[in-house]
Amino acid sequence: MAAAFVDRTSTVPDMNLWQLTGLQLVRFSVSYEVGSCQFSSKAGSFGGRAGRQPLSCAAMFHLHCTKKLLDRIKPEIAEPGQSDTALGNWYATAIFRKPQVALLVSERTLLPVLMPLAPAAALGRRFSAHLALVLKEHGVPSEFIAQEVWRMDTVQYAKTANRSVVGILNEFVKQAEFWLAAYAYEKGDDDDLLAISAKLAETPCSPLYKGPVSPDKALHELVKAGAQT
């Protein structure tokens, strides 16, 4: 059964980023421990697209990329589908400045995440560590973060399919370019990317106007709903 698990300490180059959040992700055959919270694949659950779901070894998420990002990564393209994560499918694009940055947005909450683009071929595999940093910045409970990372064990790349999310992605790119210049972002300044991601999440987004209005509020509503189910 151990072969079904991904040892993230070896497959995710940015795993040391966990240290920046105070999160400790430890691999124990069938259980993970994050901070003071420990849970197992048999007992764990979370509020996702089908309510509270048991954790499984076959968890995966879909990463819908713009054409310019797909051209850079050159991954195997899968048919669109539903992710096993609470935050749903993710959309991503590249910001070709120096240094180059990737911008990812949750289809379900429109939560934005900025991270270094390189190495681009490992973007999907590296993403969970950067998402954990952003979730921690938003005050999301450690248990939710651990379960979300668990659900991102495997990535399937796909073409963009939701025009509304692509529109939000493009708007975030414009704002991100402004803030990256304002912060004079340089390679290795991951705290800058974290701060800018948090700023973008406060932006009112038209698809959310009838509800939480901004991605940060949509995130907290999702987390709260999952805790109550």
Protein backbone atom coordinates (compact mmCIF):
# COMPACT_ATOMS: atom_id res chain seq x y z
CA MET A 1 0.00 0.00 0.00
CA ALA A 2 2.91 2.34 0.61
CA ALA A 3 3.52 2.53 -3.14
CA ALA A 4 0.20 4.36 -3.55
CA PHE A 5 1.48 7.39 -1.66
CA VAL A 6 3.61 10.22 -2.96
CA ASP A 7 6.51 11.18 -0.74
CA ARG A 8 6.16 14.96 -1.08
CA THR A 9 9.46 15.64 0.63
CA SER A 10 11.19 14.23 -2.44
CA THR A 11 8.73 15.03 -5.26
CA VAL A 12 7.98 18.64 -4.29
CA PRO A 13 11.10 20.85 -4.56
CA ASP A 14 9.47 23.63 -2.53
CA MET A 15 8.54 21.46 0.44
CA ASN A 16 10.74 23.61 2.68
CA LEU A 17 8.10 26.32 2.28
CA TRP A 18 6.05 24.49 4.88
CA GLN A 19 8.55 25.72 7.45
CA LEU A 20 7.53 29.31 6.67
CA THR A 21 3.96 28.67 7.79
CA GLY A 22 4.70 26.64 10.90
CA LEU A 23 3.08 23.64 9.22
CA GLN A 24 4.76 20.30 9.51
CA LEU A 25 3.68 17.74 6.89
CA VAL A 26 4.98 14.31 7.83
CA ARG A 27 4.48 11.08 5.88
CA PHE A 28 3.33 8.08 7.94
CA SER A 29 2.22 5.20 5.70
CA VAL A 30 -1.53 5.94 6.04
CA SER A 31 -1.61 9.15 8.06
CA TYR A 32 -0.47 12.75 7.93
CA GLU A 33 0.30 15.08 10.79
CA VAL A 34 0.00 18.84 10.41
CA GLY A 35 0.89 20.89 13.43
CA SER A 36 -1.00 19.31 16.31
CA CYS A 37 -3.62 17.74 14.02
CA GLN A 38 -3.30 14.13 12.94
CA PHE A 39 -5.73 12.19 10.78
CA SER A 40 -5.76 9.07 8.65
CA SER A 41 -6.95 8.24 5.17
CA LYS A 42 -9.64 6.01 6.64
CA ALA A 43 -11.00 8.44 9.20
CA GLY A 44 -10.48 11.80 7.47
CA SER A 45 -13.16 13.69 5.60
CA PHE A 46 -13.86 17.15 4.28
CA GLY A 47 -16.65 19.28 2.80
CA GLY A 48 -16.12 19.00 -0.93
CA ARG A 49 -18.28 18.75 -4.03
CA ALA A 50 -20.19 15.81 -2.52
CA GLY A 51 -20.27 16.98 1.08
CA ARG A 52 -18.09 15.08 3.51
CA GLN A 53 -15.94 12.65 1.58
CA PRO A 54 -13.55 10.02 2.89
CA LEU A 55 -9.93 10.58 1.95
CA SER A 56 -8.54 8.16 -0.61
CA CYS A 57 -5.23 7.22 -2.19
CA ALA A 58 -6.43 8.10 -5.70
CA ALA A 59 -7.04 11.81 -5.01
CA MET A 60 -6.34 14.24 -7.84
CA PHE A 61 -7.08 17.72 -9.14
CA HIS A 62 -7.49 19.30 -12.57
CA LEU A 63 -5.31 22.22 -13.59
CA HIS A 64 -6.77 24.14 -16.55
CA CYS A 65 -3.99 26.13 -18.19
CA THR A 66 -4.00 28.88 -20.78
CA LYS A 67 -2.45 28.04 -24.14
CA LYS A 68 0.75 29.97 -23.45
CA LEU A 69 1.25 28.05 -20.21
CA LEU A 70 0.50 24.70 -21.84
CA ASP A 71 3.01 25.55 -24.57
CA ARG A 72 5.58 26.15 -21.86
CA ILE A 73 4.84 23.04 -19.80
CA LYS A 74 4.02 20.68 -22.69
CA PRO A 75 2.08 18.23 -20.48
CA GLU A 76 -0.20 15.37 -21.45
CA ILE A 77 -3.68 16.91 -21.80
CA ALA A 78 -6.63 15.24 -20.07
CA GLU A 79 -10.35 15.68 -20.68
CA PRO A 80 -12.04 18.21 -18.35
CA GLY A 81 -13.39 16.69 -15.15
CA GLN A 82 -14.06 17.34 -11.49
CA SER A 83 -11.31 17.55 -8.89
CA ASP A 84 -11.38 15.74 -5.56
CA THR A 85 -10.41 18.94 -3.74
CA ALA A 86 -12.66 21.23 -1.73
CA LEU A 87 -11.46 24.21 -3.77
CA GLY A 88 -12.39 22.46 -7.00
CA ASN A 89 -10.58 22.78 -10.30
CA TRP A 90 -7.82 25.33 -10.77
CA TYR A 91 -7.06 27.69 -13.66
CA ALA A 92 -3.54 28.89 -14.36
CA THR A 93 -1.57 31.21 -16.59
CA ALA A 94 1.95 32.57 -16.81
CA ILE A 95 3.18 36.11 -16.29
CA PHE A 96 6.26 36.40 -18.48
CA ARG A 97 8.28 39.00 -16.63
CA LYS A 98 11.63 38.66 -14.89
CA PRO A 99 11.44 36.58 -12.82
CA GLN A 100 8.53 34.68 -14.37
CA VAL A 101 5.49 33.97 -12.21
CA ALA A 102 2.51 31.61 -12.41
CA LEU A 103 -0.96 32.76 -11.36
CA LEU A 104 -3.52 30.13 -10.34
CA VAL A 105 -7.19 30.69 -9.49
CA SER A 106 -9.67 28.34 -7.82
CA GLU A 107 -12.74 27.78 -9.99
CA ARG A 108 -14.94 27.39 -6.91
CA THR A 109 -13.85 30.43 -4.88
CA LEU A 110 -11.70 32.43 -7.35
CA LEU A 111 -8.93 32.39 -4.72
CA PRO A 112 -5.69 33.56 -6.41
CA VAL A 113 -2.25 32.07 -5.77
CA LEU A 114 1.01 33.47 -7.13
CA MET A 115 4.12 31.30 -7.27
CA PRO A 116 7.40 31.14 -9.18
CA LEU A 117 6.87 29.61 -12.62
CA ALA A 118 10.18 27.75 -12.78
CA PRO A 119 10.57 24.87 -12.99
CA ALA A 120 7.44 25.01 -15.15
CA ALA A 121 7.33 21.29 -15.89
CA ALA A 122 6.75 20.62 -12.18
CA LEU A 123 4.17 23.39 -11.67
CA GLY A 124 1.31 21.08 -10.73
CA ARG A 125 3.45 19.03 -8.37
CA ARG A 126 4.86 22.16 -6.68
CA PHE A 127 1.54 23.95 -6.37
CA SER A 128 0.22 22.34 -3.18
CA ALA A 129 3.07 23.73 -1.06
CA HIS A 130 2.40 27.28 -2.26
CA LEU A 131 -1.35 26.87 -1.82
CA ALA A 132 -0.73 25.80 1.77
CA LEU A 133 1.13 29.06 2.40
CA VAL A 134 -1.75 31.11 1.01
CA LEU A 135 -4.38 29.19 2.97
CA LYS A 136 -2.37 29.66 6.14
CA GLU A 137 -2.12 33.40 5.39
CA HIS A 138 -5.93 33.50 5.23
CA GLY A 139 -6.23 31.84 8.63
CA VAL A 140 -7.57 28.53 7.31
CA PRO A 141 -7.41 25.70 9.90
CA SER A 142 -4.46 23.34 9.61
CA GLU A 143 -6.72 20.30 9.24
CA PHE A 144 -8.41 21.77 6.16
CA ILE A 145 -5.01 22.62 4.65
CA ALA A 146 -3.67 19.12 5.26
CA GLN A 147 -6.72 17.48 3.73
CA GLU A 148 -6.62 19.77 0.70
CA VAL A 149 -2.96 18.98 0.10
CA TRP A 150 -3.73 15.27 0.47
CA ARG A 151 -6.36 15.62 -2.26
CA MET A 152 -3.78 17.15 -4.61
CA ASP A 153 -1.71 13.97 -4.79
CA THR A 154 -2.03 13.81 -8.59
CA VAL A 155 -2.48 16.57 -11.17
CA GLN A 156 -4.17 16.32 -14.54
CA TYR A 157 -3.58 19.18 -16.96
CA ALA A 158 -6.43 20.38 -19.15
CA LYS A 159 -7.34 23.24 -21.48
CA THR A 160 -9.41 26.13 -20.12
CA ALA A 161 -13.16 25.51 -20.22
CA ASN A 162 -14.77 28.22 -18.06
CA ARG A 163 -14.75 31.63 -19.75
CA SER A 164 -15.87 33.39 -16.59
CA VAL A 165 -12.89 32.11 -14.63
CA VAL A 166 -10.54 32.92 -17.51
CA GLY A 167 -11.90 36.49 -17.44
CA ILE A 168 -11.14 36.76 -13.71
CA LEU A 169 -7.71 35.23 -14.33
CA ASN A 170 -6.94 37.93 -16.90
CA GLU A 171 -8.08 40.69 -14.53
CA PHE A 172 -5.88 39.29 -11.77
CA VAL A 173 -2.92 39.24 -14.17
CA LYS A 174 -3.27 42.99 -14.71
CA GLN A 175 -3.43 43.65 -10.97
CA ALA A 176 -0.59 41.23 -10.25
CA GLU A 177 1.68 42.92 -12.78
CA PHE A 178 1.09 46.24 -11.03
CA TRP A 179 1.84 44.84 -7.58
CA LEU A 180 4.87 42.86 -8.74
CA ALA A 181 6.35 46.09 -10.05
CA ALA A 182 5.34 48.00 -6.91
CA TYR A 183 7.01 45.40 -4.70
CA ALA A 184 10.03 45.25 -7.04
CA TYR A 185 9.64 41.48 -6.89
CA GLU A 186 12.84 39.50 -7.37
CA LYS A 187 13.57 35.80 -7.46
CA GLY A 188 13.33 34.23 -4.02
CA ASP A 189 11.04 36.89 -2.54
CA ASP A 190 8.23 34.43 -1.83
CA ASP A 191 6.87 36.66 0.94
CA ASP A 192 6.07 39.24 -1.75
CA LEU A 193 4.10 36.68 -3.76
CA LEU A 194 2.22 35.71 -0.61
CA ALA A 195 1.35 39.33 0.18
CA ILE A 196 0.22 40.05 -3.38
CA SER A 197 -1.90 36.89 -3.44
CA ALA A 198 -3.65 38.11 -0.30
CA LYS A 199 -4.26 41.55 -1.84
CA LEU A 200 -5.76 40.04 -4.99
CA ALA A 201 -8.08 37.87 -2.90
CA GLU A 202 -9.76 41.00 -1.51
CA THR A 203 -10.87 42.07 -5.01
CA PRO A 204 -14.65 42.08 -5.63
CA CYS A 205 -15.38 39.65 -8.49
CA SER A 206 -18.56 39.77 -10.56
CA PRO A 207 -19.27 35.99 -10.38
CA LEU A 208 -19.36 36.38 -6.57
CA TYR A 209 -21.50 39.55 -6.36
CA LYS A 210 -24.64 37.68 -5.26
CA GLY A 211 -22.73 35.94 -2.49
CA PRO A 212 -19.42 36.51 -0.74
CA VAL A 213 -18.28 39.19 -3.27
CA SER A 214 -14.53 38.55 -2.93
CA PRO A 215 -12.40 35.36 -3.07
CA ASP A 216 -11.14 35.67 0.52
CA LYS A 217 -14.71 35.70 1.83
CA ALA A 218 -15.71 32.89 -0.53
CA LEU A 219 -12.85 30.82 0.88
CA HIS A 220 -13.96 31.31 4.47
CA GLU A 221 -17.55 30.46 3.57
CA LEU A 222 -16.37 27.23 1.97
CA VAL A 223 -14.24 26.29 4.96
CA LYS A 224 -17.08 27.10 7.38
CA ALA A 225 -19.60 25.09 5.36
CA GLY A 226 -17.25 22.12 5.30
CA ALA A 227 -16.77 22.27 9.07
CA GLN A 228 -20.54 22.27 9.64
CA THR A 229 -21.41 19.31 7.42
